[in-house]
Amino acid sequence: MNYTIQGGRLSASDSSTPLAVIKNEYFTRSREILSAKNEVLGHTSALNDDTDGNISHTTYSYCTAEGKELLHGEPHYAENEDPEYSGWPVARMPLVDHADVTLNDQPYELYMQNSQNYVLKDTEGHPAVQIMHRGIIGGWDIQTAKRFAPDILCALFVFCRYIEQENEMPLV
């Protein structure tokens, strides 16, 4: 299955009709995911239960409008980047490049190949979802090996953006 995200709207690649919409919740990292009929399907959030900046205290979550968690993620540092073992870098944040993701009790790994390409792999290492930036034309292409609900694809896209934000230097 092939999809496109352009301007926060998920649609099938061969259609401009939105299947779901990602909406910012101002002044937070949370996002609201709406249906094509503008009904709230759920909310994403990135929570850190500690103030030391260590990613090991961060979780990503996607919950339905009723509050049931469908998607859970725990980000991790890239190899040799964990400050617990290699210390904090001086001029940048330690690199975060993947997250353990649980979808409907199934484990997956979400990898940031670079800031423009992400892949969700199953336990056998097969790509379940690939998210690729479209370059100068903007937007993102999404390819799936099996059918996922539109809100789940939007939540996975938001999780990718959360991983990317973990690598930004915080402003004070």
C-alpha atoms as a PDB file:
ATOM      1  CA  MET A   1       0.000   0.000   0.000  1.00  0.00           C
ATOM      2  CA  ASN A   2       1.291   3.465  -0.861  1.00  0.00           C
ATOM      3  CA  TYR A   3       0.354   6.657   0.942  1.00  0.00           C
ATOM      4  CA  THR A   4       1.416  10.309   1.039  1.00  0.00           C
ATOM      5  CA  ILE A   5       1.544  12.784   3.896  1.00  0.00           C
ATOM      6  CA  GLN A   6       1.445  16.375   2.726  1.00  0.00           C
ATOM      7  CA  GLY A   7       0.699  19.239   5.098  1.00  0.00           C
ATOM      8  CA  GLY A   8      -0.298  16.822   7.867  1.00  0.00           C
ATOM      9  CA  ARG A   9      -2.849  15.039   5.657  1.00  0.00           C
ATOM     10  CA  LEU A  10      -2.542  11.319   4.974  1.00  0.00           C
ATOM     11  CA  SER A  11      -3.989  10.138   1.673  1.00  0.00           C
ATOM     12  CA  ALA A  12      -3.595   7.189  -0.638  1.00  0.00           C
ATOM     13  CA  SER A  13      -0.898   7.955  -3.223  1.00  0.00           C
ATOM     14  CA  ASP A  14      -3.422   7.820  -6.054  1.00  0.00           C
ATOM     15  CA  SER A  15      -5.911  10.154  -4.355  1.00  0.00           C
ATOM     16  CA  SER A  16      -6.004  13.620  -2.843  1.00  0.00           C
ATOM     17  CA  THR A  17      -8.846  12.730  -0.463  1.00  0.00           C
ATOM     18  CA  PRO A  18      -7.476  12.687   3.093  1.00  0.00           C
ATOM     19  CA  LEU A  19      -7.796   9.493   5.102  1.00  0.00           C
ATOM     20  CA  ALA A  20      -6.624  11.155   8.333  1.00  0.00           C
ATOM     21  CA  VAL A  21      -5.186  14.490   9.470  1.00  0.00           C
ATOM     22  CA  ILE A  22      -2.464  15.307  11.998  1.00  0.00           C
ATOM     23  CA  LYS A  23      -3.200  18.462  13.968  1.00  0.00           C
ATOM     24  CA  ASN A  24      -0.758  20.250  16.293  1.00  0.00           C
ATOM     25  CA  GLU A  25      -1.758  20.834  19.876  1.00  0.00           C
ATOM     26  CA  TYR A  26      -0.215  24.228  20.574  1.00  0.00           C
ATOM     27  CA  PHE A  27       2.674  24.605  23.025  1.00  0.00           C
ATOM     28  CA  THR A  28       3.089  20.848  23.454  1.00  0.00           C
ATOM     29  CA  ARG A  29       4.668  17.969  21.578  1.00  0.00           C
ATOM     30  CA  SER A  30       1.268  16.272  21.499  1.00  0.00           C
ATOM     31  CA  ARG A  31      -0.620  15.804  18.252  1.00  0.00           C
ATOM     32  CA  GLU A  32      -4.281  15.143  17.604  1.00  0.00           C
ATOM     33  CA  ILE A  33      -5.213  12.709  14.843  1.00  0.00           C
ATOM     34  CA  LEU A  34      -8.509  13.338  13.100  1.00  0.00           C
ATOM     35  CA  SER A  35     -10.552  11.268  10.670  1.00  0.00           C
ATOM     36  CA  ALA A  36     -11.438  12.514   7.200  1.00  0.00           C
ATOM     37  CA  LYS A  37     -14.745  13.645   8.743  1.00  0.00           C
ATOM     38  CA  ASN A  38     -12.855  15.773  11.302  1.00  0.00           C
ATOM     39  CA  GLU A  39     -13.639  13.409  14.206  1.00  0.00           C
ATOM     40  CA  VAL A  40     -10.941  12.917  16.843  1.00  0.00           C
ATOM     41  CA  LEU A  41      -9.430   9.454  16.490  1.00  0.00           C
ATOM     42  CA  GLY A  42      -6.705   9.861  19.102  1.00  0.00           C
ATOM     43  CA  HIS A  43      -3.744  11.740  20.529  1.00  0.00           C
ATOM     44  CA  THR A  44       0.006  11.227  20.441  1.00  0.00           C
ATOM     45  CA  SER A  45       2.327  12.343  23.204  1.00  0.00           C
ATOM     46  CA  ALA A  46       6.003  12.266  24.080  1.00  0.00           C
ATOM     47  CA  LEU A  47       6.480  12.175  27.829  1.00  0.00           C
ATOM     48  CA  ASN A  48       9.693  12.463  29.827  1.00  0.00           C
ATOM     49  CA  ASP A  49       9.332  11.660  33.524  1.00  0.00           C
ATOM     50  CA  ASP A  50      12.743  13.116  34.410  1.00  0.00           C
ATOM     51  CA  THR A  51      14.373  16.495  33.838  1.00  0.00           C
ATOM     52  CA  ASP A  52      17.957  15.337  33.211  1.00  0.00           C
ATOM     53  CA  GLY A  53      17.452  15.113  29.437  1.00  0.00           C
ATOM     54  CA  ASN A  54      18.220  11.385  29.342  1.00  0.00           C
ATOM     55  CA  ILE A  55      16.167   9.649  26.667  1.00  0.00           C
ATOM     56  CA  SER A  56      15.752   6.523  28.804  1.00  0.00           C
ATOM     57  CA  HIS A  57      13.006   8.365  30.717  1.00  0.00           C
ATOM     58  CA  THR A  58      11.001   9.175  27.571  1.00  0.00           C
ATOM     59  CA  THR A  59       8.023   7.315  26.128  1.00  0.00           C
ATOM     60  CA  TYR A  60       5.879   7.936  23.074  1.00  0.00           C
ATOM     61  CA  SER A  61       2.222   7.032  23.121  1.00  0.00           C
ATOM     62  CA  TYR A  62      -0.767   7.009  20.802  1.00  0.00           C
ATOM     63  CA  CYS A  63      -4.124   6.637  22.518  1.00  0.00           C
ATOM     64  CA  THR A  64      -7.596   6.511  21.032  1.00  0.00           C
ATOM     65  CA  ALA A  65     -10.120   9.236  21.846  1.00  0.00           C
ATOM     66  CA  GLU A  66     -11.425   6.841  24.523  1.00  0.00           C
ATOM     67  CA  GLY A  67      -7.961   6.599  26.116  1.00  0.00           C
ATOM     68  CA  LYS A  68      -6.912   3.112  24.994  1.00  0.00           C
ATOM     69  CA  GLU A  69      -3.207   2.975  24.101  1.00  0.00           C
ATOM     70  CA  LEU A  70      -2.725   1.445  20.641  1.00  0.00           C
ATOM     71  CA  LEU A  71       0.884   2.379  20.011  1.00  0.00           C
ATOM     72  CA  HIS A  72       3.726   2.693  22.504  1.00  0.00           C
ATOM     73  CA  GLY A  73       7.334   3.651  21.827  1.00  0.00           C
ATOM     74  CA  GLU A  74      10.542   3.852  23.815  1.00  0.00           C
ATOM     75  CA  PRO A  75      13.369   5.740  22.068  1.00  0.00           C
ATOM     76  CA  HIS A  76      16.997   4.666  22.351  1.00  0.00           C
ATOM     77  CA  TYR A  77      20.388   6.165  21.656  1.00  0.00           C
ATOM     78  CA  ALA A  78      22.414   5.129  18.643  1.00  0.00           C
ATOM     79  CA  GLU A  79      25.283   2.719  19.187  1.00  0.00           C
ATOM     80  CA  ASN A  80      28.098   4.345  21.232  1.00  0.00           C
ATOM     81  CA  GLU A  81      25.968   7.434  21.957  1.00  0.00           C
ATOM     82  CA  ASP A  82      24.479   6.567  25.362  1.00  0.00           C
ATOM     83  CA  PRO A  83      25.771   9.268  27.760  1.00  0.00           C
ATOM     84  CA  GLU A  84      25.728   6.758  30.599  1.00  0.00           C
ATOM     85  CA  TYR A  85      28.623   4.943  28.926  1.00  0.00           C
ATOM     86  CA  SER A  86      30.292   7.498  26.661  1.00  0.00           C
ATOM     87  CA  GLY A  87      29.521  10.812  28.406  1.00  0.00           C
ATOM     88  CA  TRP A  88      27.569  13.799  27.120  1.00  0.00           C
ATOM     89  CA  PRO A  89      28.809  15.318  23.859  1.00  0.00           C
ATOM     90  CA  VAL A  90      29.933  18.942  24.218  1.00  0.00           C
ATOM     91  CA  ALA A  91      28.309  20.635  21.223  1.00  0.00           C
ATOM     92  CA  ARG A  92      25.273  18.471  20.439  1.00  0.00           C
ATOM     93  CA  MET A  93      22.724  16.107  21.889  1.00  0.00           C
ATOM     94  CA  PRO A  94      23.504  12.360  21.917  1.00  0.00           C
ATOM     95  CA  LEU A  95      22.091  10.796  18.764  1.00  0.00           C
ATOM     96  CA  VAL A  96      18.761   8.975  19.062  1.00  0.00           C
ATOM     97  CA  ASP A  97      18.164   6.707  16.060  1.00  0.00           C
ATOM     98  CA  HIS A  98      15.533   4.126  16.961  1.00  0.00           C
ATOM     99  CA  ALA A  99      12.610   3.263  19.188  1.00  0.00           C
ATOM    100  CA  ASP A 100      11.107   0.018  20.408  1.00  0.00           C
ATOM    101  CA  VAL A 101       7.480   0.183  19.317  1.00  0.00           C
ATOM    102  CA  THR A 102       4.567  -1.960  20.420  1.00  0.00           C
ATOM    103  CA  LEU A 103       1.479  -2.014  18.190  1.00  0.00           C
ATOM    104  CA  ASN A 104      -1.448  -4.153  19.325  1.00  0.00           C
ATOM    105  CA  ASP A 105       0.898  -6.191  21.537  1.00  0.00           C
ATOM    106  CA  GLN A 106       3.249  -6.847  18.593  1.00  0.00           C
ATOM    107  CA  PRO A 107       6.874  -5.631  18.945  1.00  0.00           C
ATOM    108  CA  TYR A 108       8.516  -3.579  16.190  1.00  0.00           C
ATOM    109  CA  GLU A 109      11.638  -1.416  15.803  1.00  0.00           C
ATOM    110  CA  LEU A 110      11.327   2.067  14.321  1.00  0.00           C
ATOM    111  CA  TYR A 111      14.672   3.118  12.806  1.00  0.00           C
ATOM    112  CA  MET A 112      15.763   6.539  11.653  1.00  0.00           C
ATOM    113  CA  GLN A 113      18.017   5.773   8.695  1.00  0.00           C
ATOM    114  CA  ASN A 114      18.615   9.533   8.346  1.00  0.00           C
ATOM    115  CA  SER A 115      16.492  12.612   9.028  1.00  0.00           C
ATOM    116  CA  GLN A 116      14.458  11.906   5.898  1.00  0.00           C
ATOM    117  CA  ASN A 117      14.003   8.125   5.899  1.00  0.00           C
ATOM    118  CA  TYR A 118      12.469   5.862   8.526  1.00  0.00           C
ATOM    119  CA  VAL A 119      11.605   2.184   8.579  1.00  0.00           C
ATOM    120  CA  LEU A 120       9.432   0.137  10.950  1.00  0.00           C
ATOM    121  CA  LYS A 121      10.720  -3.432  11.116  1.00  0.00           C
ATOM    122  CA  ASP A 122       9.026  -6.498  12.526  1.00  0.00           C
ATOM    123  CA  THR A 123      10.757  -8.976  14.843  1.00  0.00           C
ATOM    124  CA  GLU A 124      12.288 -10.788  11.855  1.00  0.00           C
ATOM    125  CA  GLY A 125      13.780  -7.567  10.488  1.00  0.00           C
ATOM    126  CA  HIS A 126      11.347  -7.218   7.587  1.00  0.00           C
ATOM    127  CA  PRO A 127      10.133  -3.698   6.752  1.00  0.00           C
ATOM    128  CA  ALA A 128       6.479  -3.255   7.723  1.00  0.00           C
ATOM    129  CA  VAL A 129       6.368   0.493   7.007  1.00  0.00           C
ATOM    130  CA  GLN A 130       8.801   2.786   5.198  1.00  0.00           C
ATOM    131  CA  ILE A 131       8.507   6.571   5.490  1.00  0.00           C
ATOM    132  CA  MET A 132      10.564   8.628   3.035  1.00  0.00           C
ATOM    133  CA  HIS A 133      10.800  12.370   2.516  1.00  0.00           C
ATOM    134  CA  ARG A 134       9.885  13.447  -1.002  1.00  0.00           C
ATOM    135  CA  GLY A 135      12.730  15.938  -1.339  1.00  0.00           C
ATOM    136  CA  ILE A 136      12.207  19.321  -2.935  1.00  0.00           C
ATOM    137  CA  ILE A 137       8.529  18.667  -3.751  1.00  0.00           C
ATOM    138  CA  GLY A 138       7.825  18.244  -0.037  1.00  0.00           C
ATOM    139  CA  GLY A 139       5.757  15.789   1.889  1.00  0.00           C
ATOM    140  CA  TRP A 140       6.409  12.162   2.689  1.00  0.00           C
ATOM    141  CA  ASP A 141       5.804   8.853   0.930  1.00  0.00           C
ATOM    142  CA  ILE A 142       4.703   5.897   3.028  1.00  0.00           C
ATOM    143  CA  GLN A 143       4.916   2.302   1.834  1.00  0.00           C
ATOM    144  CA  THR A 144       3.436  -0.523   3.873  1.00  0.00           C
ATOM    145  CA  ALA A 145       3.831  -4.274   3.549  1.00  0.00           C
ATOM    146  CA  LYS A 146       0.371  -4.832   5.045  1.00  0.00           C
ATOM    147  CA  ARG A 147      -2.690  -2.726   5.750  1.00  0.00           C
ATOM    148  CA  PHE A 148      -2.500  -0.371   8.718  1.00  0.00           C
ATOM    149  CA  ALA A 149      -5.283   1.921   9.889  1.00  0.00           C
ATOM    150  CA  PRO A 150      -4.801   5.561   8.778  1.00  0.00           C
ATOM    151  CA  ASP A 151      -4.552   6.819  12.362  1.00  0.00           C
ATOM    152  CA  ILE A 152      -1.785   4.291  13.117  1.00  0.00           C
ATOM    153  CA  LEU A 153       0.193   5.463  10.070  1.00  0.00           C
ATOM    154  CA  CYS A 154      -0.195   9.064  11.231  1.00  0.00           C
ATOM    155  CA  ALA A 155       0.910   8.137  14.758  1.00  0.00           C
ATOM    156  CA  LEU A 156       3.968   6.311  13.384  1.00  0.00           C
ATOM    157  CA  PHE A 157       4.821   9.403  11.348  1.00  0.00           C
ATOM    158  CA  VAL A 158       4.566  11.537  14.496  1.00  0.00           C
ATOM    159  CA  PHE A 159       6.824   9.053  16.331  1.00  0.00           C
ATOM    160  CA  CYS A 160       9.392   9.566  13.530  1.00  0.00           C
ATOM    161  CA  ARG A 161       9.202  13.302  14.097  1.00  0.00           C
ATOM    162  CA  TYR A 162       9.624  12.754  17.852  1.00  0.00           C
ATOM    163  CA  ILE A 163      12.833  10.799  17.224  1.00  0.00           C
ATOM    164  CA  GLU A 164      14.071  13.626  15.017  1.00  0.00           C
ATOM    165  CA  GLN A 165      13.256  16.193  17.723  1.00  0.00           C
ATOM    166  CA  GLU A 166      15.259  14.221  20.291  1.00  0.00           C
ATOM    167  CA  ASN A 167      18.370  15.086  18.274  1.00  0.00           C
ATOM    168  CA  GLU A 168      17.759  18.840  18.311  1.00  0.00           C
ATOM    169  CA  MET A 169      19.685  21.020  20.711  1.00  0.00           C
ATOM    170  CA  PRO A 170      17.276  22.372  23.341  1.00  0.00           C
ATOM    171  CA  LEU A 171      16.795  26.118  23.466  1.00  0.00           C
ATOM    172  CA  VAL A 172      16.895  27.844  26.808  1.00  0.00           C
END
